[in-house]
Amino acid sequence: MKIMKRQILNDVLSPIPDKPLYHYTNQKGLLGVIKSRTIWMTHTQYLNDRREFLHAVDLVRTEIKRLQKAELDSSKDQILLRMEQVLDLSPEGINVCVCSFSEEPDSLSQWRAYGAPGFAVGFPSMFLKDVAAKRDWYLVRCVYDPAHQREIVQALVDEVLEENLSPVEPDDDPDDLELRIRLGGNLLPYINRYAPLLKDESFKEEHEWRIISCPLSSSHASFDFREGKSLLIPYYKLDLADGHGRFPIHQITVGPTRDEERSIRSVRNFLMHEDLRKERKGDIPVQASKVPYRDW
C-alpha cells in the first residue's frame, strides 16, 4: 500500500511531454519574455482564479472527513483533527509559484482570456522540463478528471497520516517534532506542491501544463512584487536562457487581431531585432490564429 501511494504521487509529478508547450500572453508579456529571456511565475495564492487553490483544499478536507467517519483508532483521530485544523491556516509564508503552458498553439479559451492582441509563445517541451529539473522543480500536466484527483488526494492524505504515525528517531529535534505535530505533519507543503495541478474539469480543454516551484524565500533575488488590479502580486522571475545563453523558441502564434498581416510582420521583425534567428539556424515560425474569434 505504501509503495502504491508513493507511486501515485510520484507519477503525477513525472510525466514527459511529447509536444511543444505554449505560453499565452499579451503584447506587454511577449515583449518582456523575449527581451528578458524570463517568464514571470505567479504565487499560487494570487492566481487569477483563487478557486484553484481552494479546490484542492476542499478535496483534502473531504478526504479527511471521510477518514474521520471510518477511523476507529483514537491516535489517528487526533492526527486527522490536527490535519483538518491546518487547512484553515494561512499559507502566506509558503511562496510557491507557477507558470502555465498549454499543449494547444491556438486555443479559443486562451484568446478569450487574453483578448486581442494575444500571443502564444511555443517552447520545446524537453527544454522546459530541463529548466524545471535543474532547480529540482516540476513540469507537470494538470489533472482535470475528478476520479484521478480523488486518487491523488487520498494518497497525499495517507502519506501525511503515515508520516505522523512514524516512530520518533533518537536524533530528532524536539522543536521540529513539535512543529510537525502542530502543523499536521507535512500537509501544507504537500498541498502547495500538488494543489496547482488539480483543476476543475470545466477547464480541461486548456490541456495545461505548469512549472511548479519549490517553496521560495521572499528575500530571493528573483522573487519580487508587481502591481495587481487591487493588491500587490508576488511573483518569481524564471530565467529561461540555458547555461550557454540560448533561448529556444519553437513557434509563435499571433492571436485573432484586426491587423493580422502587419502583426505577423512586426513579430518577425522583433525576433530578428532580438537576434533569435541564429539559435534555430533560421526564422522562427510565426503563424496566425485560425480561430474565428473577434473581440473588436
C-alpha atoms as a PDB file:
ATOM      1  CA  MET A   1       0.000   0.000   0.000  1.00  0.00           C
ATOM      2  CA  LYS A   2       2.817   2.413   0.893  1.00  0.00           C
ATOM      3  CA  ILE A   3       4.554   1.738  -2.429  1.00  0.00           C
ATOM      4  CA  MET A   4       1.301   2.304  -4.296  1.00  0.00           C
ATOM      5  CA  LYS A   5       0.673   5.654  -2.557  1.00  0.00           C
ATOM      6  CA  ARG A   6       4.170   6.849  -3.265  1.00  0.00           C
ATOM      7  CA  GLN A   7       3.888   5.685  -6.877  1.00  0.00           C
ATOM      8  CA  ILE A   8       0.674   7.676  -7.380  1.00  0.00           C
ATOM      9  CA  LEU A   9       2.281  10.851  -6.006  1.00  0.00           C
ATOM     10  CA  ASN A  10       5.492  10.340  -7.983  1.00  0.00           C
ATOM     11  CA  ASP A  11       3.750   9.525 -11.267  1.00  0.00           C
ATOM     12  CA  VAL A  12       1.751  12.744 -11.296  1.00  0.00           C
ATOM     13  CA  LEU A  13       4.984  14.770 -10.938  1.00  0.00           C
ATOM     14  CA  SER A  14       6.983  12.934 -13.580  1.00  0.00           C
ATOM     15  CA  PRO A  15       5.158  12.955 -16.946  1.00  0.00           C
ATOM     16  CA  ILE A  16       7.243  13.667 -20.036  1.00  0.00           C
ATOM     17  CA  PRO A  17       5.546  15.998 -22.557  1.00  0.00           C
ATOM     18  CA  ASP A  18       5.761  14.817 -26.155  1.00  0.00           C
ATOM     19  CA  LYS A  19       4.945  18.083 -27.939  1.00  0.00           C
ATOM     20  CA  PRO A  20       5.845  21.792 -27.726  1.00  0.00           C
ATOM     21  CA  LEU A  21       4.152  23.773 -24.969  1.00  0.00           C
ATOM     22  CA  TYR A  22       2.755  27.286 -25.412  1.00  0.00           C
ATOM     23  CA  HIS A  23       2.720  30.219 -23.021  1.00  0.00           C
ATOM     24  CA  TYR A  24      -0.180  32.608 -23.738  1.00  0.00           C
ATOM     25  CA  THR A  25       0.368  36.280 -23.085  1.00  0.00           C
ATOM     26  CA  ASN A  26      -0.444  39.804 -24.263  1.00  0.00           C
ATOM     27  CA  GLN A  27       1.768  42.377 -26.027  1.00  0.00           C
ATOM     28  CA  LYS A  28       3.485  43.521 -22.837  1.00  0.00           C
ATOM     29  CA  GLY A  29       4.109  39.929 -21.814  1.00  0.00           C
ATOM     30  CA  LEU A  30       5.554  38.985 -25.209  1.00  0.00           C
ATOM     31  CA  LEU A  31       7.973  41.915 -25.114  1.00  0.00           C
ATOM     32  CA  GLY A  32       9.002  41.056 -21.562  1.00  0.00           C
ATOM     33  CA  VAL A  33       9.539  37.342 -22.177  1.00  0.00           C
ATOM     34  CA  ILE A  34      11.631  37.830 -25.310  1.00  0.00           C
ATOM     35  CA  LYS A  35      13.679  40.814 -24.147  1.00  0.00           C
ATOM     36  CA  SER A  36      14.495  39.470 -20.679  1.00  0.00           C
ATOM     37  CA  ARG A  37      14.556  35.736 -21.570  1.00  0.00           C
ATOM     38  CA  THR A  38      12.425  35.198 -18.463  1.00  0.00           C
ATOM     39  CA  ILE A  39       8.867  34.239 -17.572  1.00  0.00           C
ATOM     40  CA  TRP A  40       7.060  35.537 -14.522  1.00  0.00           C
ATOM     41  CA  MET A  41       5.738  32.770 -12.281  1.00  0.00           C
ATOM     42  CA  THR A  42       2.802  33.851 -10.116  1.00  0.00           C
ATOM     43  CA  HIS A  43       2.432  32.950  -6.429  1.00  0.00           C
ATOM     44  CA  THR A  44      -0.215  30.223  -6.116  1.00  0.00           C
ATOM     45  CA  GLN A  45      -2.234  32.334  -3.678  1.00  0.00           C
ATOM     46  CA  TYR A  46      -2.516  35.186  -6.183  1.00  0.00           C
ATOM     47  CA  LEU A  47      -3.589  33.455  -9.380  1.00  0.00           C
ATOM     48  CA  ASN A  48      -6.488  34.991 -11.299  1.00  0.00           C
ATOM     49  CA  ASP A  49      -8.789  32.229 -10.100  1.00  0.00           C
ATOM     50  CA  ARG A  50      -8.371  31.784  -6.337  1.00  0.00           C
ATOM     51  CA  ARG A  51     -10.736  28.809  -6.506  1.00  0.00           C
ATOM     52  CA  GLU A  52      -7.855  26.815  -7.995  1.00  0.00           C
ATOM     53  CA  PHE A  53      -6.119  26.516  -4.620  1.00  0.00           C
ATOM     54  CA  LEU A  54      -9.365  26.227  -2.661  1.00  0.00           C
ATOM     55  CA  HIS A  55     -10.493  23.399  -4.967  1.00  0.00           C
ATOM     56  CA  ALA A  56      -7.562  21.280  -3.783  1.00  0.00           C
ATOM     57  CA  VAL A  57      -8.131  22.261  -0.142  1.00  0.00           C
ATOM     58  CA  ASP A  58     -11.785  21.201  -0.436  1.00  0.00           C
ATOM     59  CA  LEU A  59     -10.739  17.818  -1.824  1.00  0.00           C
ATOM     60  CA  VAL A  60      -8.299  17.305   1.056  1.00  0.00           C
ATOM     61  CA  ARG A  61     -10.916  18.351   3.618  1.00  0.00           C
ATOM     62  CA  THR A  62     -13.437  15.900   2.137  1.00  0.00           C
ATOM     63  CA  GLU A  63     -10.912  13.049   2.325  1.00  0.00           C
ATOM     64  CA  ILE A  64     -10.018  13.867   5.951  1.00  0.00           C
ATOM     65  CA  LYS A  65     -13.705  13.872   6.918  1.00  0.00           C
ATOM     66  CA  ARG A  66     -14.189  10.542   5.150  1.00  0.00           C
ATOM     67  CA  LEU A  67     -11.366   9.022   7.177  1.00  0.00           C
ATOM     68  CA  GLN A  68     -12.669  10.563  10.400  1.00  0.00           C
ATOM     69  CA  LYS A  69     -16.012   8.827   9.903  1.00  0.00           C
ATOM     70  CA  ALA A  70     -14.375   5.490   9.145  1.00  0.00           C
ATOM     71  CA  GLU A  71     -11.480   5.613  11.644  1.00  0.00           C
ATOM     72  CA  LEU A  72     -11.779   3.835  14.997  1.00  0.00           C
ATOM     73  CA  ASP A  73      -8.169   4.409  16.104  1.00  0.00           C
ATOM     74  CA  SER A  74      -8.125   7.322  18.588  1.00  0.00           C
ATOM     75  CA  SER A  75      -4.481   8.212  17.806  1.00  0.00           C
ATOM     76  CA  LYS A  76      -5.332   8.599  14.142  1.00  0.00           C
ATOM     77  CA  ASP A  77      -8.422  10.616  15.018  1.00  0.00           C
ATOM     78  CA  GLN A  78      -6.259  13.173  16.811  1.00  0.00           C
ATOM     79  CA  ILE A  79      -3.888  13.443  13.891  1.00  0.00           C
ATOM     80  CA  LEU A  80      -6.752  13.822  11.413  1.00  0.00           C
ATOM     81  CA  LEU A  81      -8.213  16.574  13.579  1.00  0.00           C
ATOM     82  CA  ARG A  82      -4.908  18.477  13.538  1.00  0.00           C
ATOM     83  CA  MET A  83      -4.658  17.998   9.771  1.00  0.00           C
ATOM     84  CA  GLU A  84      -8.168  19.390   9.366  1.00  0.00           C
ATOM     85  CA  GLN A  85      -7.307  22.420  11.502  1.00  0.00           C
ATOM     86  CA  VAL A  86      -4.207  23.059   9.392  1.00  0.00           C
ATOM     87  CA  LEU A  87      -6.423  23.647   6.358  1.00  0.00           C
ATOM     88  CA  ASP A  88      -7.661  26.865   7.976  1.00  0.00           C
ATOM     89  CA  LEU A  89      -4.157  28.260   8.478  1.00  0.00           C
ATOM     90  CA  SER A  90      -2.901  30.981   6.174  1.00  0.00           C
ATOM     91  CA  PRO A  91      -0.184  29.627   3.834  1.00  0.00           C
ATOM     92  CA  GLU A  92       1.188  33.125   3.164  1.00  0.00           C
ATOM     93  CA  GLY A  93       4.669  32.159   4.373  1.00  0.00           C
ATOM     94  CA  ILE A  94       4.924  29.394   1.758  1.00  0.00           C
ATOM     95  CA  ASN A  95       5.958  31.019  -1.514  1.00  0.00           C
ATOM     96  CA  VAL A  96       5.178  28.504  -4.251  1.00  0.00           C
ATOM     97  CA  CYS A  97       4.969  29.994  -7.757  1.00  0.00           C
ATOM     98  CA  VAL A  98       3.650  28.565 -11.019  1.00  0.00           C
ATOM     99  CA  CYS A  99       3.833  29.333 -14.723  1.00  0.00           C
ATOM    100  CA  SER A 100       1.257  27.997 -17.179  1.00  0.00           C
ATOM    101  CA  PHE A 101       1.635  26.457 -20.633  1.00  0.00           C
ATOM    102  CA  SER A 102      -0.759  24.715 -22.978  1.00  0.00           C
ATOM    103  CA  GLU A 103      -0.426  21.856 -25.449  1.00  0.00           C
ATOM    104  CA  GLU A 104      -2.632  23.889 -27.805  1.00  0.00           C
ATOM    105  CA  PRO A 105      -0.958  26.507 -30.046  1.00  0.00           C
ATOM    106  CA  ASP A 106      -4.279  28.108 -30.983  1.00  0.00           C
ATOM    107  CA  SER A 107      -6.855  27.890 -28.191  1.00  0.00           C
ATOM    108  CA  LEU A 108     -10.146  29.797 -28.275  1.00  0.00           C
ATOM    109  CA  SER A 109     -10.462  29.820 -24.467  1.00  0.00           C
ATOM    110  CA  GLN A 110      -6.986  31.336 -24.132  1.00  0.00           C
ATOM    111  CA  TRP A 111      -7.636  34.045 -26.729  1.00  0.00           C
ATOM    112  CA  ARG A 112     -10.818  34.918 -24.873  1.00  0.00           C
ATOM    113  CA  ALA A 113      -8.834  35.179 -21.634  1.00  0.00           C
ATOM    114  CA  TYR A 114      -6.092  37.413 -23.028  1.00  0.00           C
ATOM    115  CA  GLY A 115      -8.072  39.352 -25.620  1.00  0.00           C
ATOM    116  CA  ALA A 116      -6.584  40.963 -28.711  1.00  0.00           C
ATOM    117  CA  PRO A 117      -3.814  41.179 -29.430  1.00  0.00           C
ATOM    118  CA  GLY A 118      -2.636  37.963 -27.761  1.00  0.00           C
ATOM    119  CA  PHE A 119       0.276  35.654 -28.487  1.00  0.00           C
ATOM    120  CA  ALA A 120       1.195  32.029 -27.825  1.00  0.00           C
ATOM    121  CA  VAL A 121       4.945  31.522 -27.420  1.00  0.00           C
ATOM    122  CA  GLY A 122       5.894  27.895 -28.031  1.00  0.00           C
ATOM    123  CA  PHE A 123       8.895  26.222 -26.394  1.00  0.00           C
ATOM    124  CA  PRO A 124      10.377  22.739 -26.884  1.00  0.00           C
ATOM    125  CA  SER A 125       8.879  20.668 -24.091  1.00  0.00           C
ATOM    126  CA  MET A 126      12.128  18.982 -23.047  1.00  0.00           C
ATOM    127  CA  PHE A 127      13.754  22.397 -22.765  1.00  0.00           C
ATOM    128  CA  LEU A 128      11.077  23.411 -20.234  1.00  0.00           C
ATOM    129  CA  LYS A 129      11.462  20.078 -18.459  1.00  0.00           C
ATOM    130  CA  ASP A 130      15.196  20.734 -18.105  1.00  0.00           C
ATOM    131  CA  VAL A 131      14.600  24.319 -16.896  1.00  0.00           C
ATOM    132  CA  ALA A 132      12.450  22.951 -14.080  1.00  0.00           C
ATOM    133  CA  ALA A 133      14.610  19.904 -13.302  1.00  0.00           C
ATOM    134  CA  LYS A 134      17.852  21.818 -12.814  1.00  0.00           C
ATOM    135  CA  ARG A 135      16.134  23.670  -9.936  1.00  0.00           C
ATOM    136  CA  ASP A 136      14.544  20.481  -8.543  1.00  0.00           C
ATOM    137  CA  TRP A 137      11.171  21.878  -9.607  1.00  0.00           C
ATOM    138  CA  TYR A 138       8.452  20.171 -11.604  1.00  0.00           C
ATOM    139  CA  LEU A 139       6.904  20.497 -15.050  1.00  0.00           C
ATOM    140  CA  VAL A 140       3.560  18.746 -14.616  1.00  0.00           C
ATOM    141  CA  ARG A 141       0.382  18.123 -16.552  1.00  0.00           C
ATOM    142  CA  CYS A 142      -2.738  19.460 -14.854  1.00  0.00           C
ATOM    143  CA  VAL A 143      -5.253  16.839 -13.727  1.00  0.00           C
ATOM    144  CA  TYR A 144      -8.902  17.512 -14.566  1.00  0.00           C
ATOM    145  CA  ASP A 145     -10.505  14.108 -14.018  1.00  0.00           C
ATOM    146  CA  PRO A 146     -12.334  14.098 -10.630  1.00  0.00           C
ATOM    147  CA  ALA A 147     -11.653  10.396 -10.024  1.00  0.00           C
ATOM    148  CA  HIS A 148      -7.918  10.847 -10.619  1.00  0.00           C
ATOM    149  CA  GLN A 149      -7.905  13.917  -8.379  1.00  0.00           C
ATOM    150  CA  ARG A 150      -9.502  11.943  -5.543  1.00  0.00           C
ATOM    151  CA  GLU A 151      -6.919   9.202  -6.003  1.00  0.00           C
ATOM    152  CA  ILE A 152      -4.090  11.748  -5.709  1.00  0.00           C
ATOM    153  CA  VAL A 153      -5.618  13.411  -2.649  1.00  0.00           C
ATOM    154  CA  GLN A 154      -6.219  10.068  -0.941  1.00  0.00           C
ATOM    155  CA  ALA A 155      -2.566   9.133  -1.475  1.00  0.00           C
ATOM    156  CA  LEU A 156      -1.470  12.558  -0.214  1.00  0.00           C
ATOM    157  CA  VAL A 157      -3.538  12.399   2.981  1.00  0.00           C
ATOM    158  CA  ASP A 158      -2.496   8.788   3.651  1.00  0.00           C
ATOM    159  CA  GLU A 159       1.150   9.725   3.195  1.00  0.00           C
ATOM    160  CA  VAL A 160       0.911  12.597   5.714  1.00  0.00           C
ATOM    161  CA  LEU A 161      -1.028  10.429   8.143  1.00  0.00           C
ATOM    162  CA  GLU A 162       1.649   7.755   7.944  1.00  0.00           C
ATOM    163  CA  GLU A 163       4.404  10.332   8.492  1.00  0.00           C
ATOM    164  CA  ASN A 164       2.649  11.479  11.681  1.00  0.00           C
ATOM    165  CA  LEU A 165       2.447   7.906  12.932  1.00  0.00           C
ATOM    166  CA  SER A 166       6.095   7.146  12.195  1.00  0.00           C
ATOM    167  CA  PRO A 167       8.217   6.411  15.287  1.00  0.00           C
ATOM    168  CA  VAL A 168      10.333   9.194  16.750  1.00  0.00           C
ATOM    169  CA  GLU A 169      14.030   8.824  15.979  1.00  0.00           C
ATOM    170  CA  PRO A 170      16.545   9.406  18.822  1.00  0.00           C
ATOM    171  CA  ASP A 171      18.239  12.263  16.980  1.00  0.00           C
ATOM    172  CA  ASP A 172      15.011  14.075  16.001  1.00  0.00           C
ATOM    173  CA  ASP A 173      14.968  17.699  17.120  1.00  0.00           C
ATOM    174  CA  PRO A 174      12.198  18.157  19.746  1.00  0.00           C
ATOM    175  CA  ASP A 175      11.329  21.577  18.288  1.00  0.00           C
ATOM    176  CA  ASP A 176      10.965  20.078  14.820  1.00  0.00           C
ATOM    177  CA  LEU A 177       8.768  17.321  16.219  1.00  0.00           C
ATOM    178  CA  GLU A 178       6.568  19.833  17.997  1.00  0.00           C
ATOM    179  CA  LEU A 179       6.205  21.859  14.804  1.00  0.00           C
ATOM    180  CA  ARG A 180       5.421  18.724  12.820  1.00  0.00           C
ATOM    181  CA  ILE A 181       2.706  17.756  15.285  1.00  0.00           C
ATOM    182  CA  ARG A 182       1.237  21.262  15.403  1.00  0.00           C
ATOM    183  CA  LEU A 183       1.136  21.567  11.618  1.00  0.00           C
ATOM    184  CA  GLY A 184      -0.302  18.146  10.983  1.00  0.00           C
ATOM    185  CA  GLY A 185       2.918  16.796   9.535  1.00  0.00           C
ATOM    186  CA  ASN A 186       3.838  17.942   6.039  1.00  0.00           C
ATOM    187  CA  LEU A 187       0.272  18.584   4.957  1.00  0.00           C
ATOM    188  CA  LEU A 188       0.757  22.245   3.968  1.00  0.00           C
ATOM    189  CA  PRO A 189       3.916  21.581   1.901  1.00  0.00           C
ATOM    190  CA  TYR A 190       2.161  18.672   0.188  1.00  0.00           C
ATOM    191  CA  ILE A 191      -0.896  20.789  -0.607  1.00  0.00           C
ATOM    192  CA  ASN A 192       1.277  23.570  -2.009  1.00  0.00           C
ATOM    193  CA  ARG A 193       3.068  21.057  -4.216  1.00  0.00           C
ATOM    194  CA  TYR A 194       0.002  19.287  -5.587  1.00  0.00           C
ATOM    195  CA  ALA A 195      -2.759  21.916  -5.446  1.00  0.00           C
ATOM    196  CA  PRO A 196      -1.556  23.788  -8.571  1.00  0.00           C
ATOM    197  CA  LEU A 197      -2.074  20.736 -10.763  1.00  0.00           C
ATOM    198  CA  LEU A 198      -5.623  19.906  -9.616  1.00  0.00           C
ATOM    199  CA  LYS A 199      -8.030  21.931 -11.761  1.00  0.00           C
ATOM    200  CA  ASP A 200     -11.775  21.858 -12.219  1.00  0.00           C
ATOM    201  CA  GLU A 201     -12.762  19.652 -15.153  1.00  0.00           C
ATOM    202  CA  SER A 202     -14.510  22.590 -16.853  1.00  0.00           C
ATOM    203  CA  PHE A 203     -11.002  23.817 -17.834  1.00  0.00           C
ATOM    204  CA  LYS A 204      -9.870  20.557 -19.436  1.00  0.00           C
ATOM    205  CA  GLU A 205      -9.916  21.980 -22.966  1.00  0.00           C
ATOM    206  CA  GLU A 206      -6.886  24.113 -21.997  1.00  0.00           C
ATOM    207  CA  HIS A 207      -4.647  20.994 -21.824  1.00  0.00           C
ATOM    208  CA  GLU A 208      -2.491  22.873 -19.360  1.00  0.00           C
ATOM    209  CA  TRP A 209       0.986  22.095 -18.040  1.00  0.00           C
ATOM    210  CA  ARG A 210       2.659  24.035 -15.257  1.00  0.00           C
ATOM    211  CA  ILE A 211       6.114  24.616 -13.913  1.00  0.00           C
ATOM    212  CA  ILE A 212       5.730  24.471 -10.124  1.00  0.00           C
ATOM    213  CA  SER A 213       8.462  25.830  -7.875  1.00  0.00           C
ATOM    214  CA  CYS A 214       9.555  24.556  -4.512  1.00  0.00           C
ATOM    215  CA  PRO A 215       8.898  26.966  -1.604  1.00  0.00           C
ATOM    216  CA  LEU A 216      10.853  30.179  -2.210  1.00  0.00           C
ATOM    217  CA  SER A 217      12.352  32.711   0.140  1.00  0.00           C
ATOM    218  CA  SER A 218      10.811  36.196  -0.003  1.00  0.00           C
ATOM    219  CA  SER A 219      14.360  37.564   0.015  1.00  0.00           C
ATOM    220  CA  HIS A 220      15.420  35.598  -3.086  1.00  0.00           C
ATOM    221  CA  ALA A 221      16.892  37.890  -5.743  1.00  0.00           C
ATOM    222  CA  SER A 222      14.371  36.705  -8.351  1.00  0.00           C
ATOM    223  CA  PHE A 223      11.348  36.954  -6.054  1.00  0.00           C
ATOM    224  CA  ASP A 224       9.529  40.255  -6.472  1.00  0.00           C
ATOM    225  CA  PHE A 225       6.172  42.036  -6.477  1.00  0.00           C
ATOM    226  CA  ARG A 226       4.152  43.675  -9.241  1.00  0.00           C
ATOM    227  CA  GLU A 227       1.034  45.797  -9.402  1.00  0.00           C
ATOM    228  CA  GLY A 228      -2.271  43.959  -9.476  1.00  0.00           C
ATOM    229  CA  LYS A 229      -5.785  45.271 -10.001  1.00  0.00           C
ATOM    230  CA  SER A 230      -6.425  45.538  -6.278  1.00  0.00           C
ATOM    231  CA  LEU A 231      -3.273  44.319  -4.477  1.00  0.00           C
ATOM    232  CA  LEU A 232       0.422  43.556  -4.855  1.00  0.00           C
ATOM    233  CA  ILE A 233       1.135  40.262  -6.644  1.00  0.00           C
ATOM    234  CA  PRO A 234       4.188  38.201  -5.563  1.00  0.00           C
ATOM    235  CA  TYR A 235       5.987  36.529  -8.449  1.00  0.00           C
ATOM    236  CA  TYR A 236       9.255  34.856  -9.401  1.00  0.00           C
ATOM    237  CA  LYS A 237      11.325  35.762 -12.459  1.00  0.00           C
ATOM    238  CA  LEU A 238      12.256  32.424 -14.050  1.00  0.00           C
ATOM    239  CA  ASP A 239      15.363  32.625 -16.215  1.00  0.00           C
ATOM    240  CA  LEU A 240      14.733  30.600 -19.376  1.00  0.00           C
ATOM    241  CA  ALA A 241      18.099  31.039 -21.078  1.00  0.00           C
ATOM    242  CA  ASP A 242      20.237  27.940 -20.712  1.00  0.00           C
ATOM    243  CA  GLY A 243      23.832  27.846 -19.492  1.00  0.00           C
ATOM    244  CA  HIS A 244      25.063  28.919 -22.919  1.00  0.00           C
ATOM    245  CA  GLY A 245      22.639  31.815 -23.184  1.00  0.00           C
ATOM    246  CA  ARG A 246      20.431  30.017 -25.692  1.00  0.00           C
ATOM    247  CA  PHE A 247      16.708  30.721 -25.683  1.00  0.00           C
ATOM    248  CA  PRO A 248      14.982  28.218 -27.965  1.00  0.00           C
ATOM    249  CA  ILE A 249      11.564  29.230 -29.249  1.00  0.00           C
ATOM    250  CA  HIS A 250       9.653  26.667 -31.272  1.00  0.00           C
ATOM    251  CA  GLN A 251       6.991  28.938 -32.748  1.00  0.00           C
ATOM    252  CA  ILE A 252       4.815  31.969 -32.052  1.00  0.00           C
ATOM    253  CA  THR A 253       1.108  32.120 -32.796  1.00  0.00           C
ATOM    254  CA  VAL A 254      -0.420  35.563 -33.272  1.00  0.00           C
ATOM    255  CA  GLY A 255      -3.908  35.561 -31.814  1.00  0.00           C
ATOM    256  CA  PRO A 256      -7.003  36.923 -33.558  1.00  0.00           C
ATOM    257  CA  THR A 257      -6.462  40.569 -34.423  1.00  0.00           C
ATOM    258  CA  ARG A 258      -7.878  43.098 -36.887  1.00  0.00           C
ATOM    259  CA  ASP A 259      -4.430  43.678 -38.430  1.00  0.00           C
ATOM    260  CA  GLU A 260      -3.170  40.128 -38.821  1.00  0.00           C
ATOM    261  CA  GLU A 261      -0.565  40.506 -41.556  1.00  0.00           C
ATOM    262  CA  ARG A 262       1.157  43.535 -40.043  1.00  0.00           C
ATOM    263  CA  SER A 263       1.113  41.890 -36.618  1.00  0.00           C
ATOM    264  CA  ILE A 264       2.921  38.838 -38.004  1.00  0.00           C
ATOM    265  CA  ARG A 265       5.486  41.032 -39.764  1.00  0.00           C
ATOM    266  CA  SER A 266       6.140  43.085 -36.645  1.00  0.00           C
ATOM    267  CA  VAL A 267       6.697  39.940 -34.544  1.00  0.00           C
ATOM    268  CA  ARG A 268       9.137  38.566 -37.135  1.00  0.00           C
ATOM    269  CA  ASN A 269      10.972  41.886 -37.168  1.00  0.00           C
ATOM    270  CA  PHE A 270      11.059  41.893 -33.369  1.00  0.00           C
ATOM    271  CA  LEU A 271      12.594  38.392 -33.294  1.00  0.00           C
ATOM    272  CA  MET A 272      15.274  39.496 -35.759  1.00  0.00           C
ATOM    273  CA  HIS A 273      15.943  42.576 -33.619  1.00  0.00           C
ATOM    274  CA  GLU A 274      16.421  40.319 -30.575  1.00  0.00           C
ATOM    275  CA  ASP A 275      18.860  38.155 -32.589  1.00  0.00           C
ATOM    276  CA  LEU A 276      16.987  34.903 -32.045  1.00  0.00           C
ATOM    277  CA  ARG A 277      17.217  33.526 -35.595  1.00  0.00           C
ATOM    278  CA  LYS A 278      20.723  32.162 -35.171  1.00  0.00           C
ATOM    279  CA  GLU A 279      19.611  29.942 -32.294  1.00  0.00           C
ATOM    280  CA  ARG A 280      17.370  27.980 -34.702  1.00  0.00           C
ATOM    281  CA  LYS A 281      19.651  28.496 -37.685  1.00  0.00           C
ATOM    282  CA  GLY A 282      16.705  30.067 -39.461  1.00  0.00           C
ATOM    283  CA  ASP A 283      13.498  32.009 -38.965  1.00  0.00           C
ATOM    284  CA  ILE A 284      11.278  31.196 -36.009  1.00  0.00           C
ATOM    285  CA  PRO A 285       7.852  30.313 -37.439  1.00  0.00           C
ATOM    286  CA  VAL A 286       5.229  32.984 -36.759  1.00  0.00           C
ATOM    287  CA  GLN A 287       1.717  32.000 -37.732  1.00  0.00           C
ATOM    288  CA  ALA A 288      -1.747  33.488 -37.480  1.00  0.00           C
ATOM    289  CA  SER A 289      -4.531  32.005 -35.384  1.00  0.00           C
ATOM    290  CA  LYS A 290      -7.148  30.104 -37.357  1.00  0.00           C
ATOM    291  CA  VAL A 291      -9.763  30.543 -34.630  1.00  0.00           C
ATOM    292  CA  PRO A 292     -12.754  32.590 -35.921  1.00  0.00           C
ATOM    293  CA  TYR A 293     -12.895  34.882 -32.915  1.00  0.00           C
ATOM    294  CA  ARG A 294     -13.358  38.662 -32.779  1.00  0.00           C
ATOM    295  CA  ASP A 295     -13.431  40.974 -29.770  1.00  0.00           C
ATOM    296  CA  TRP A 296     -13.052  44.253 -31.622  1.00  0.00           C
END
